[in-house]
Amino acid sequence: MDQRPYGEVQTCRTGIVVSNHVSTPSGIESSSSSSNYTDALSSNDGSTSTTISTQTHSHFLIRDGQVFEMGQHYREQTTLTGPDGTRQCWDREDSHRVRNSVQYDREAHYCP
């Protein structure tokens, strides 16, 4: 991905993936990427259909070739039955790093 001057954002679209890269006058580079996928699954006999939607997002801030901030987000939503018998669940994972400090969170929810 080639660098663009600040204010001239580069957007790359590959199917359902969008990426941006910006270089600021102060020497900071910012990169981000988002994607959204939907898959339909069926059982071998074709009687059961399940839909899985996946969204991802990540961003990076870079100065002097060093990543000083990074964040990632992942979310999946499905029509599979959860442990309590409900039909829809989603699972989300977030991580965020600033220099050497890492924060991480994972949640799983089953909704009616």
PDB file of N, CA and C in Angstrom:
ATOM      1  N   MET A   1       0.841  -1.165   0.000  1.00  0.00           N
ATOM      2  CA  MET A   1       0.000   0.000   0.000  1.00  0.00           C
ATOM      3  C   MET A   1       0.891   1.235   0.000  1.00  0.00           C
ATOM      4  N   ASP A   2       0.762   2.102  -0.988  1.00  0.00           N
ATOM      5  CA  ASP A   2       1.599   3.286  -1.016  1.00  0.00           C
ATOM      6  C   ASP A   2       1.050   4.353  -0.078  1.00  0.00           C
ATOM      7  N   GLN A   3       1.946   5.248   0.372  1.00  0.00           N
ATOM      8  CA  GLN A   3       1.556   6.275   1.326  1.00  0.00           C
ATOM      9  C   GLN A   3       0.979   7.479   0.601  1.00  0.00           C
ATOM     10  N   ARG A   4       0.013   8.108   1.238  1.00  0.00           N
ATOM     11  CA  ARG A   4      -0.630   9.302   0.697  1.00  0.00           C
ATOM     12  C   ARG A   4      -0.413  10.457   1.668  1.00  0.00           C
ATOM     13  N   PRO A   5      -0.370  11.698   1.161  1.00  0.00           N
ATOM     14  CA  PRO A   5      -0.251  12.837   2.058  1.00  0.00           C
ATOM     15  C   PRO A   5      -1.496  12.964   2.935  1.00  0.00           C
ATOM     16  N   TYR A   6      -1.301  13.631   4.083  1.00  0.00           N
ATOM     17  CA  TYR A   6      -2.414  13.852   5.007  1.00  0.00           C
ATOM     18  C   TYR A   6      -3.565  14.544   4.283  1.00  0.00           C
ATOM     19  N   GLY A   7      -4.764  14.095   4.535  1.00  0.00           N
ATOM     20  CA  GLY A   7      -5.934  14.677   3.875  1.00  0.00           C
ATOM     21  C   GLY A   7      -6.311  13.944   2.608  1.00  0.00           C
ATOM     22  N   GLU A   8      -5.406  13.131   2.079  1.00  0.00           N
ATOM     23  CA  GLU A   8      -5.700  12.334   0.888  1.00  0.00           C
ATOM     24  C   GLU A   8      -5.734  10.869   1.322  1.00  0.00           C
ATOM     25  N   VAL A   9      -6.868  10.458   1.828  1.00  0.00           N
ATOM     26  CA  VAL A   9      -7.020   9.117   2.393  1.00  0.00           C
ATOM     27  C   VAL A   9      -7.082   8.094   1.282  1.00  0.00           C
ATOM     28  N   GLN A  10      -6.336   7.020   1.453  1.00  0.00           N
ATOM     29  CA  GLN A  10      -6.375   5.928   0.485  1.00  0.00           C
ATOM     30  C   GLN A  10      -7.375   4.886   0.969  1.00  0.00           C
ATOM     31  N   THR A  11      -8.324   4.561   0.141  1.00  0.00           N
ATOM     32  CA  THR A  11      -9.311   3.543   0.474  1.00  0.00           C
ATOM     33  C   THR A  11      -9.166   2.393  -0.500  1.00  0.00           C
ATOM     34  N   CYS A  12      -8.994   1.210   0.041  1.00  0.00           N
ATOM     35  CA  CYS A  12      -8.844  -0.005  -0.749  1.00  0.00           C
ATOM     36  C   CYS A  12     -10.071  -0.866  -0.515  1.00  0.00           C
ATOM     37  N   ARG A  13     -10.760  -1.283  -1.537  1.00  0.00           N
ATOM     38  CA  ARG A  13     -11.911  -2.160  -1.371  1.00  0.00           C
ATOM     39  C   ARG A  13     -11.639  -3.466  -2.095  1.00  0.00           C
ATOM     40  N   THR A  14     -11.645  -4.553  -1.344  1.00  0.00           N
ATOM     41  CA  THR A  14     -11.486  -5.883  -1.920  1.00  0.00           C
ATOM     42  C   THR A  14     -12.692  -6.691  -1.484  1.00  0.00           C
ATOM     43  N   GLY A  15     -13.676  -6.808  -2.330  1.00  0.00           N
ATOM     44  CA  GLY A  15     -14.905  -7.483  -1.918  1.00  0.00           C
ATOM     45  C   GLY A  15     -15.579  -6.685  -0.830  1.00  0.00           C
ATOM     46  N   ILE A  16     -15.531  -7.198   0.369  1.00  0.00           N
ATOM     47  CA  ILE A  16     -16.171  -6.530   1.489  1.00  0.00           C
ATOM     48  C   ILE A  16     -15.159  -6.117   2.556  1.00  0.00           C
ATOM     49  N   VAL A  17     -13.928  -5.839   2.137  1.00  0.00           N
ATOM     50  CA  VAL A  17     -12.886  -5.358   3.033  1.00  0.00           C
ATOM     51  C   VAL A  17     -12.551  -3.928   2.643  1.00  0.00           C
ATOM     52  N   VAL A  18     -12.483  -3.030   3.627  1.00  0.00           N
ATOM     53  CA  VAL A  18     -12.120  -1.637   3.373  1.00  0.00           C
ATOM     54  C   VAL A  18     -10.887  -1.315   4.204  1.00  0.00           C
ATOM     55  N   SER A  19      -9.847  -0.768   3.564  1.00  0.00           N
ATOM     56  CA  SER A  19      -8.618  -0.394   4.263  1.00  0.00           C
ATOM     57  C   SER A  19      -8.297   1.064   3.978  1.00  0.00           C
ATOM     58  N   ASN A  20      -7.772   1.762   4.983  1.00  0.00           N
ATOM     59  CA  ASN A  20      -7.360   3.156   4.826  1.00  0.00           C
ATOM     60  C   ASN A  20      -5.953   3.327   5.372  1.00  0.00           C
ATOM     61  N   HIS A  21      -5.180   4.214   4.746  1.00  0.00           N
ATOM     62  CA  HIS A  21      -3.832   4.529   5.223  1.00  0.00           C
ATOM     63  C   HIS A  21      -3.599   6.022   5.026  1.00  0.00           C
ATOM     64  N   VAL A  22      -3.160   6.707   6.105  1.00  0.00           N
ATOM     65  CA  VAL A  22      -2.922   8.149   6.051  1.00  0.00           C
ATOM     66  C   VAL A  22      -1.586   8.437   6.718  1.00  0.00           C
ATOM     67  N   SER A  23      -0.788   9.342   6.140  1.00  0.00           N
ATOM     68  CA  SER A  23       0.431   9.836   6.777  1.00  0.00           C
ATOM     69  C   SER A  23       0.204  11.291   7.155  1.00  0.00           C
ATOM     70  N   THR A  24       0.461  11.645   8.429  1.00  0.00           N
ATOM     71  CA  THR A  24       0.236  13.015   8.893  1.00  0.00           C
ATOM     72  C   THR A  24       1.519  13.834   8.742  1.00  0.00           C
ATOM     73  N   PRO A  25       1.410  15.172   8.751  1.00  0.00           N
ATOM     74  CA  PRO A  25       2.607  16.018   8.654  1.00  0.00           C
ATOM     75  C   PRO A  25       3.584  15.790   9.812  1.00  0.00           C
ATOM     76  N   SER A  26       3.089  15.364  10.982  1.00  0.00           N
ATOM     77  CA  SER A  26       3.968  15.150  12.134  1.00  0.00           C
ATOM     78  C   SER A  26       4.681  13.802  12.088  1.00  0.00           C
ATOM     79  N   GLY A  27       4.461  13.018  11.025  1.00  0.00           N
ATOM     80  CA  GLY A  27       5.171  11.755  10.866  1.00  0.00           C
ATOM     81  C   GLY A  27       4.446  10.540  11.399  1.00  0.00           C
ATOM     82  N   ILE A  28       3.218  10.707  11.812  1.00  0.00           N
ATOM     83  CA  ILE A  28       2.438   9.564  12.294  1.00  0.00           C
ATOM     84  C   ILE A  28       1.692   8.950  11.122  1.00  0.00           C
ATOM     85  N   GLU A  29       1.743   7.634  11.035  1.00  0.00           N
ATOM     86  CA  GLU A  29       0.978   6.912  10.022  1.00  0.00           C
ATOM     87  C   GLU A  29      -0.192   6.221  10.708  1.00  0.00           C
ATOM     88  N   SER A  30      -1.339   6.269  10.065  1.00  0.00           N
ATOM     89  CA  SER A  30      -2.540   5.632  10.597  1.00  0.00           C
ATOM     90  C   SER A  30      -3.069   4.659   9.560  1.00  0.00           C
ATOM     91  N   SER A  31      -3.257   3.408   9.969  1.00  0.00           N
ATOM     92  CA  SER A  31      -3.821   2.392   9.083  1.00  0.00           C
ATOM     93  C   SER A  31      -5.011   1.748   9.773  1.00  0.00           C
ATOM     94  N   SER A  32      -6.068   1.509   9.013  1.00  0.00           N
ATOM     95  CA  SER A  32      -7.218   0.800   9.573  1.00  0.00           C
ATOM     96  C   SER A  32      -7.804  -0.110   8.511  1.00  0.00           C
ATOM     97  N   SER A  33      -8.459  -1.153   8.970  1.00  0.00           N
ATOM     98  CA  SER A  33      -9.057  -2.119   8.064  1.00  0.00           C
ATOM     99  C   SER A  33     -10.331  -2.662   8.696  1.00  0.00           C
ATOM    100  N   SER A  34     -11.382  -2.796   7.895  1.00  0.00           N
ATOM    101  CA  SER A  34     -12.648  -3.357   8.366  1.00  0.00           C
ATOM    102  C   SER A  34     -13.140  -4.384   7.362  1.00  0.00           C
ATOM    103  N   SER A  35     -13.804  -5.412   7.854  1.00  0.00           N
ATOM    104  CA  SER A  35     -14.368  -6.416   6.956  1.00  0.00           C
ATOM    105  C   SER A  35     -15.707  -6.896   7.499  1.00  0.00           C
ATOM    106  N   ASN A  36     -16.519  -7.428   6.610  1.00  0.00           N
ATOM    107  CA  ASN A  36     -17.831  -7.944   6.975  1.00  0.00           C
ATOM    108  C   ASN A  36     -18.126  -9.131   6.066  1.00  0.00           C
ATOM    109  N   TYR A  37     -18.271 -10.310   6.649  1.00  0.00           N
ATOM    110  CA  TYR A  37     -18.522 -11.529   5.884  1.00  0.00           C
ATOM    111  C   TYR A  37     -19.782 -12.209   6.402  1.00  0.00           C
ATOM    112  N   THR A  38     -20.555 -12.814   5.533  1.00  0.00           N
ATOM    113  CA  THR A  38     -21.710 -13.623   5.926  1.00  0.00           C
ATOM    114  C   THR A  38     -21.614 -14.970   5.230  1.00  0.00           C
ATOM    115  N   ASP A  39     -21.722 -16.036   6.014  1.00  0.00           N
ATOM    116  CA  ASP A  39     -21.686 -17.398   5.485  1.00  0.00           C
ATOM    117  C   ASP A  39     -22.990 -18.097   5.832  1.00  0.00           C
ATOM    118  N   ALA A  40     -23.516 -18.889   4.918  1.00  0.00           N
ATOM    119  CA  ALA A  40     -24.698 -19.713   5.172  1.00  0.00           C
ATOM    120  C   ALA A  40     -24.262 -21.170   5.172  1.00  0.00           C
ATOM    121  N   LEU A  41     -24.619 -21.894   6.219  1.00  0.00           N
ATOM    122  CA  LEU A  41     -24.239 -23.297   6.358  1.00  0.00           C
ATOM    123  C   LEU A  41     -25.494 -24.157   6.416  1.00  0.00           C
ATOM    124  N   SER A  42     -25.414 -25.358   5.894  1.00  0.00           N
ATOM    125  CA  SER A  42     -26.538 -26.306   5.943  1.00  0.00           C
ATOM    126  C   SER A  42     -26.042 -27.645   6.459  1.00  0.00           C
ATOM    127  N   SER A  43     -26.947 -28.413   7.093  1.00  0.00           N
ATOM    128  CA  SER A  43     -26.583 -29.760   7.521  1.00  0.00           C
ATOM    129  C   SER A  43     -26.501 -30.655   6.293  1.00  0.00           C
ATOM    130  N   ASN A  44     -25.944 -31.845   6.461  1.00  0.00           N
ATOM    131  CA  ASN A  44     -25.758 -32.757   5.327  1.00  0.00           C
ATOM    132  C   ASN A  44     -27.056 -33.085   4.599  1.00  0.00           C
ATOM    133  N   ASP A  45     -28.159 -33.185   5.343  1.00  0.00           N
ATOM    134  CA  ASP A  45     -29.426 -33.510   4.681  1.00  0.00           C
ATOM    135  C   ASP A  45     -30.165 -32.264   4.190  1.00  0.00           C
ATOM    136  N   GLY A  46     -29.570 -31.082   4.417  1.00  0.00           N
ATOM    137  CA  GLY A  46     -30.174 -29.843   3.930  1.00  0.00           C
ATOM    138  C   GLY A  46     -31.306 -29.320   4.790  1.00  0.00           C
ATOM    139  N   SER A  47     -31.571 -29.950   5.942  1.00  0.00           N
ATOM    140  CA  SER A  47     -32.721 -29.558   6.751  1.00  0.00           C
ATOM    141  C   SER A  47     -32.445 -28.362   7.662  1.00  0.00           C
ATOM    142  N   THR A  48     -31.206 -28.124   8.020  1.00  0.00           N
ATOM    143  CA  THR A  48     -30.881 -27.050   8.950  1.00  0.00           C
ATOM    144  C   THR A  48     -30.004 -26.021   8.251  1.00  0.00           C
ATOM    145  N   SER A  49     -30.381 -24.777   8.393  1.00  0.00           N
ATOM    146  CA  SER A  49     -29.584 -23.706   7.811  1.00  0.00           C
ATOM    147  C   SER A  49     -29.133 -22.772   8.930  1.00  0.00           C
ATOM    148  N   THR A  50     -27.873 -22.426   8.926  1.00  0.00           N
ATOM    149  CA  THR A  50     -27.298 -21.538   9.924  1.00  0.00           C
ATOM    150  C   THR A  50     -26.592 -20.404   9.200  1.00  0.00           C
ATOM    151  N   THR A  51     -26.769 -19.190   9.691  1.00  0.00           N
ATOM    152  CA  THR A  51     -26.081 -18.039   9.122  1.00  0.00           C
ATOM    153  C   THR A  51     -25.071 -17.528  10.136  1.00  0.00           C
ATOM    154  N   ILE A  52     -23.858 -17.275   9.683  1.00  0.00           N
ATOM    155  CA  ILE A  52     -22.816 -16.722  10.541  1.00  0.00           C
ATOM    156  C   ILE A  52     -22.326 -15.424   9.907  1.00  0.00           C
ATOM    157  N   SER A  53     -22.422 -14.322  10.653  1.00  0.00           N
ATOM    158  CA  SER A  53     -21.918 -13.028  10.189  1.00  0.00           C
ATOM    159  C   SER A  53     -20.697 -12.667  11.020  1.00  0.00           C
ATOM    160  N   THR A  54     -19.619 -12.259  10.366  1.00  0.00           N
ATOM    161  CA  THR A  54     -18.378 -11.914  11.049  1.00  0.00           C
ATOM    162  C   THR A  54     -17.963 -10.504  10.652  1.00  0.00           C
ATOM    163  N   GLN A  55     -17.690  -9.667  11.649  1.00  0.00           N
ATOM    164  CA  GLN A  55     -17.183  -8.320  11.401  1.00  0.00           C
ATOM    165  C   GLN A  55     -15.841  -8.172  12.121  1.00  0.00           C
ATOM    166  N   THR A  56     -14.877  -7.566  11.455  1.00  0.00           N
ATOM    167  CA  THR A  56     -13.579  -7.302  12.075  1.00  0.00           C
ATOM    168  C   THR A  56     -13.184  -5.854  11.824  1.00  0.00           C
ATOM    169  N   HIS A  57     -12.413  -5.300  12.737  1.00  0.00           N
ATOM    170  CA  HIS A  57     -11.863  -3.959  12.554  1.00  0.00           C
ATOM    171  C   HIS A  57     -10.523  -3.910  13.281  1.00  0.00           C
ATOM    172  N   SER A  58      -9.541  -3.315  12.658  1.00  0.00           N
ATOM    173  CA  SER A  58      -8.255  -3.113  13.327  1.00  0.00           C
ATOM    174  C   SER A  58      -7.700  -1.755  12.938  1.00  0.00           C
ATOM    175  N   HIS A  59      -6.921  -1.161  13.845  1.00  0.00           N
ATOM    176  CA  HIS A  59      -6.249   0.097  13.518  1.00  0.00           C
ATOM    177  C   HIS A  59      -4.848   0.087  14.132  1.00  0.00           C
ATOM    178  N   PHE A  60      -3.946   0.804  13.474  1.00  0.00           N
ATOM    179  CA  PHE A  60      -2.560   0.907  13.908  1.00  0.00           C
ATOM    180  C   PHE A  60      -2.126   2.357  13.798  1.00  0.00           C
ATOM    181  N   LEU A  61      -1.400   2.856  14.800  1.00  0.00           N
ATOM    182  CA  LEU A  61      -0.733   4.149  14.720  1.00  0.00           C
ATOM    183  C   LEU A  61       0.766   3.878  14.808  1.00  0.00           C
ATOM    184  N   ILE A  62       1.522   4.427  13.848  1.00  0.00           N
ATOM    185  CA  ILE A  62       2.946   4.122  13.719  1.00  0.00           C
ATOM    186  C   ILE A  62       3.727   5.431  13.687  1.00  0.00           C
ATOM    187  N   ARG A  63       4.810   5.504  14.474  1.00  0.00           N
ATOM    188  CA  ARG A  63       5.702   6.663  14.448  1.00  0.00           C
ATOM    189  C   ARG A  63       7.131   6.151  14.383  1.00  0.00           C
ATOM    190  N   ASP A  64       7.904   6.671  13.459  1.00  0.00           N
ATOM    191  CA  ASP A  64       9.303   6.257  13.280  1.00  0.00           C
ATOM    192  C   ASP A  64       9.432   4.742  13.126  1.00  0.00           C
ATOM    193  N   GLY A  65       8.503   4.140  12.400  1.00  0.00           N
ATOM    194  CA  GLY A  65       8.547   2.713  12.136  1.00  0.00           C
ATOM    195  C   GLY A  65       8.111   1.833  13.294  1.00  0.00           C
ATOM    196  N   GLN A  66       7.707   2.430  14.420  1.00  0.00           N
ATOM    197  CA  GLN A  66       7.292   1.671  15.602  1.00  0.00           C
ATOM    198  C   GLN A  66       5.786   1.812  15.829  1.00  0.00           C
ATOM    199  N   VAL A  67       5.109   0.689  16.037  1.00  0.00           N
ATOM    200  CA  VAL A  67       3.685   0.725  16.367  1.00  0.00           C
ATOM    201  C   VAL A  67       3.558   1.204  17.807  1.00  0.00           C
ATOM    202  N   PHE A  68       2.848   2.332  18.035  1.00  0.00           N
ATOM    203  CA  PHE A  68       2.663   2.782  19.407  1.00  0.00           C
ATOM    204  C   PHE A  68       1.219   2.653  19.872  1.00  0.00           C
ATOM    205  N   GLU A  69       0.315   2.325  18.965  1.00  0.00           N
ATOM    206  CA  GLU A  69      -1.047   2.008  19.376  1.00  0.00           C
ATOM    207  C   GLU A  69      -1.639   1.035  18.377  1.00  0.00           C
ATOM    208  N   MET A  70      -2.350   0.027  18.902  1.00  0.00           N
ATOM    209  CA  MET A  70      -2.979  -0.964  18.038  1.00  0.00           C
ATOM    210  C   MET A  70      -4.278  -1.397  18.703  1.00  0.00           C
ATOM    211  N   GLY A  71      -5.343  -1.501  17.922  1.00  0.00           N
ATOM    212  CA  GLY A  71      -6.612  -1.974  18.458  1.00  0.00           C
ATOM    213  C   GLY A  71      -7.232  -2.979  17.507  1.00  0.00           C
ATOM    214  N   GLN A  72      -7.875  -4.003  18.075  1.00  0.00           N
ATOM    215  CA  GLN A  72      -8.526  -5.025  17.258  1.00  0.00           C
ATOM    216  C   GLN A  72      -9.898  -5.340  17.836  1.00  0.00           C
ATOM    217  N   HIS A  73     -10.831  -5.589  16.953  1.00  0.00           N
ATOM    218  CA  HIS A  73     -12.192  -5.913  17.367  1.00  0.00           C
ATOM    219  C   HIS A  73     -12.707  -7.022  16.460  1.00  0.00           C
ATOM    220  N   TYR A  74     -13.351  -8.007  17.062  1.00  0.00           N
ATOM    221  CA  TYR A  74     -13.905  -9.132  16.316  1.00  0.00           C
ATOM    222  C   TYR A  74     -15.299  -9.401  16.863  1.00  0.00           C
ATOM    223  N   ARG A  75     -16.257  -9.592  15.983  1.00  0.00           N
ATOM    224  CA  ARG A  75     -17.621  -9.887  16.413  1.00  0.00           C
ATOM    225  C   ARG A  75     -18.213 -10.924  15.476  1.00  0.00           C
ATOM    226  N   GLU A  76     -18.828 -11.926  16.064  1.00  0.00           N
ATOM    227  CA  GLU A  76     -19.472 -12.962  15.261  1.00  0.00           C
ATOM    228  C   GLU A  76     -20.899 -13.143  15.769  1.00  0.00           C
ATOM    229  N   GLN A  77     -21.825 -13.181  14.846  1.00  0.00           N
ATOM    230  CA  GLN A  77     -23.220 -13.404  15.201  1.00  0.00           C
ATOM    231  C   GLN A  77     -23.718 -14.605  14.417  1.00  0.00           C
ATOM    232  N   THR A  78     -24.427 -15.491  15.107  1.00  0.00           N
ATOM    233  CA  THR A  78     -24.855 -16.716  14.459  1.00  0.00           C
ATOM    234  C   THR A  78     -26.265 -17.091  14.891  1.00  0.00           C
ATOM    235  N   THR A  79     -26.926 -17.892  14.104  1.00  0.00           N
ATOM    236  CA  THR A  79     -28.255 -18.388  14.451  1.00  0.00           C
ATOM    237  C   THR A  79     -28.182 -19.768  15.092  1.00  0.00           C
ATOM    238  N   LEU A  80     -26.983 -20.229  15.432  1.00  0.00           N
ATOM    239  CA  LEU A  80     -26.840 -21.506  16.134  1.00  0.00           C
ATOM    240  C   LEU A  80     -27.496 -21.426  17.512  1.00  0.00           C
ATOM    241  N   THR A  81     -27.937 -22.545  18.039  1.00  0.00           N
ATOM    242  CA  THR A  81     -28.545 -22.586  19.365  1.00  0.00           C
ATOM    243  C   THR A  81     -27.463 -22.517  20.437  1.00  0.00           C
ATOM    244  N   GLY A  82     -27.636 -21.611  21.403  1.00  0.00           N
ATOM    245  CA  GLY A  82     -26.697 -21.467  22.502  1.00  0.00           C
ATOM    246  C   GLY A  82     -26.975 -22.468  23.615  1.00  0.00           C
ATOM    247  N   PRO A  83     -26.163 -22.458  24.687  1.00  0.00           N
ATOM    248  CA  PRO A  83     -26.309 -23.429  25.769  1.00  0.00           C
ATOM    249  C   PRO A  83     -27.665 -23.355  26.475  1.00  0.00           C
ATOM    250  N   ASP A  84     -28.300 -22.184  26.454  1.00  0.00           N
ATOM    251  CA  ASP A  84     -29.602 -22.054  27.114  1.00  0.00           C
ATOM    252  C   ASP A  84     -30.767 -22.291  26.152  1.00  0.00           C
ATOM    253  N   GLY A  85     -30.478 -22.766  24.947  1.00  0.00           N
ATOM    254  CA  GLY A  85     -31.539 -23.102  23.995  1.00  0.00           C
ATOM    255  C   GLY A  85     -32.007 -21.966  23.115  1.00  0.00           C
ATOM    256  N   THR A  86     -31.450 -20.768  23.292  1.00  0.00           N
ATOM    257  CA  THR A  86     -31.847 -19.648  22.437  1.00  0.00           C
ATOM    258  C   THR A  86     -31.184 -19.771  21.077  1.00  0.00           C
ATOM    259  N   ARG A  87     -31.705 -19.065  20.092  1.00  0.00           N
ATOM    260  CA  ARG A  87     -31.289 -19.249  18.703  1.00  0.00           C
ATOM    261  C   ARG A  87     -30.189 -18.304  18.236  1.00  0.00           C
ATOM    262  N   GLN A  88     -29.878 -17.260  18.962  1.00  0.00           N
ATOM    263  CA  GLN A  88     -28.921 -16.301  18.425  1.00  0.00           C
ATOM    264  C   GLN A  88     -27.856 -15.988  19.468  1.00  0.00           C
ATOM    265  N   CYS A  89     -26.597 -15.984  19.047  1.00  0.00           N
ATOM    266  CA  CYS A  89     -25.540 -15.601  19.980  1.00  0.00           C
ATOM    267  C   CYS A  89     -24.528 -14.731  19.260  1.00  0.00           C
ATOM    268  N   TRP A  90     -23.782 -13.975  20.016  1.00  0.00           N
ATOM    269  CA  TRP A  90     -22.648 -13.273  19.432  1.00  0.00           C
ATOM    270  C   TRP A  90     -21.476 -13.328  20.387  1.00  0.00           C
ATOM    271  N   ASP A  91     -20.321 -13.278  19.838  1.00  0.00           N
ATOM    272  CA  ASP A  91     -19.082 -13.407  20.583  1.00  0.00           C
ATOM    273  C   ASP A  91     -18.198 -12.265  20.145  1.00  0.00           C
ATOM    274  N   ARG A  92     -17.688 -11.489  21.086  1.00  0.00           N
ATOM    275  CA  ARG A  92     -16.923 -10.305  20.731  1.00  0.00           C
ATOM    276  C   ARG A  92     -15.588 -10.346  21.454  1.00  0.00           C
ATOM    277  N   GLU A  93     -14.538 -10.042  20.743  1.00  0.00           N
ATOM    278  CA  GLU A  93     -13.213  -9.958  21.343  1.00  0.00           C
ATOM    279  C   GLU A  93     -12.622  -8.602  21.001  1.00  0.00           C
ATOM    280  N   ASP A  94     -12.111  -7.920  21.989  1.00  0.00           N
ATOM    281  CA  ASP A  94     -11.439  -6.645  21.772  1.00  0.00           C
ATOM    282  C   ASP A  94     -10.052  -6.720  22.385  1.00  0.00           C
ATOM    283  N   SER A  95      -9.090  -6.139  21.740  1.00  0.00           N
ATOM    284  CA  SER A  95      -7.784  -5.960  22.365  1.00  0.00           C
ATOM    285  C   SER A  95      -7.282  -4.583  21.977  1.00  0.00           C
ATOM    286  N   HIS A  96      -6.547  -3.970  22.871  1.00  0.00           N
ATOM    287  CA  HIS A  96      -6.028  -2.633  22.620  1.00  0.00           C
ATOM    288  C   HIS A  96      -4.653  -2.546  23.266  1.00  0.00           C
ATOM    289  N   ARG A  97      -3.686  -2.052  22.522  1.00  0.00           N
ATOM    290  CA  ARG A  97      -2.325  -1.943  23.036  1.00  0.00           C
ATOM    291  C   ARG A  97      -1.837  -0.522  22.832  1.00  0.00           C
ATOM    292  N   VAL A  98      -1.307   0.070  23.893  1.00  0.00           N
ATOM    293  CA  VAL A  98      -0.624   1.351  23.805  1.00  0.00           C
ATOM    294  C   VAL A  98       0.779   1.112  24.349  1.00  0.00           C
ATOM    295  N   ARG A  99       1.764   1.244  23.481  1.00  0.00           N
ATOM    296  CA  ARG A  99       3.150   0.901  23.775  1.00  0.00           C
ATOM    297  C   ARG A  99       3.232  -0.518  24.344  1.00  0.00           C
ATOM    298  N   ASN A 100       3.612  -0.698  25.607  1.00  0.00           N
ATOM    299  CA  ASN A 100       3.750  -2.048  26.166  1.00  0.00           C
ATOM    300  C   ASN A 100       2.560  -2.490  27.003  1.00  0.00           C
ATOM    301  N   SER A 101       1.540  -1.655  27.111  1.00  0.00           N
ATOM    302  CA  SER A 101       0.371  -1.990  27.921  1.00  0.00           C
ATOM    303  C   SER A 101      -0.713  -2.600  27.038  1.00  0.00           C
ATOM    304  N   VAL A 102      -1.162  -3.799  27.396  1.00  0.00           N
ATOM    305  CA  VAL A 102      -2.168  -4.505  26.601  1.00  0.00           C
ATOM    306  C   VAL A 102      -3.436  -4.674  27.421  1.00  0.00           C
ATOM    307  N   GLN A 103      -4.565  -4.328  26.809  1.00  0.00           N
ATOM    308  CA  GLN A 103      -5.870  -4.575  27.421  1.00  0.00           C
ATOM    309  C   GLN A 103      -6.588  -5.567  26.525  1.00  0.00           C
ATOM    310  N   TYR A 104      -7.303  -6.508  27.130  1.00  0.00           N
ATOM    311  CA  TYR A 104      -7.986  -7.519  26.341  1.00  0.00           C
ATOM    312  C   TYR A 104      -9.311  -7.841  26.999  1.00  0.00           C
ATOM    313  N   ASP A 105     -10.338  -8.015  26.200  1.00  0.00           N
ATOM    314  CA  ASP A 105     -11.663  -8.309  26.716  1.00  0.00           C
ATOM    315  C   ASP A 105     -12.329  -9.308  25.795  1.00  0.00           C
ATOM    316  N   ARG A 106     -13.003 -10.277  26.358  1.00  0.00           N
ATOM    317  CA  ARG A 106     -13.755 -11.236  25.554  1.00  0.00           C
ATOM    318  C   ARG A 106     -15.112 -11.414  26.206  1.00  0.00           C
ATOM    319  N   GLU A 107     -16.154 -11.311  25.413  1.00  0.00           N
ATOM    320  CA  GLU A 107     -17.510 -11.473  25.914  1.00  0.00           C
ATOM    321  C   GLU A 107     -18.235 -12.475  25.040  1.00  0.00           C
ATOM    322  N   ALA A 108     -19.124 -13.250  25.650  1.00  0.00           N
ATOM    323  CA  ALA A 108     -19.992 -14.143  24.886  1.00  0.00           C
ATOM    324  C   ALA A 108     -21.409 -13.957  25.410  1.00  0.00           C
ATOM    325  N   HIS A 109     -22.343 -13.695  24.537  1.00  0.00           N
ATOM    326  CA  HIS A 109     -23.732 -13.476  24.926  1.00  0.00           C
ATOM    327  C   HIS A 109     -24.639 -14.371  24.104  1.00  0.00           C
ATOM    328  N   TYR A 110     -25.635 -14.921  24.738  1.00  0.00           N
ATOM    329  CA  TYR A 110     -26.663 -15.693  24.050  1.00  0.00           C
ATOM    330  C   TYR A 110     -27.980 -14.965  24.255  1.00  0.00           C
ATOM    331  N   CYS A 111     -28.622 -14.586  23.169  1.00  0.00           N
ATOM    332  CA  CYS A 111     -29.793 -13.717  23.235  1.00  0.00           C
ATOM    333  C   CYS A 111     -31.033 -14.441  22.731  1.00  0.00           C
ATOM    334  N   PRO A 112     -32.198 -14.085  23.273  1.00  0.00           N
ATOM    335  CA  PRO A 112     -33.447 -14.702  22.785  1.00  0.00           C
ATOM    336  C   PRO A 112     -33.790 -14.257  21.379  1.00  0.00           C
TER     337      PRO A 112
END
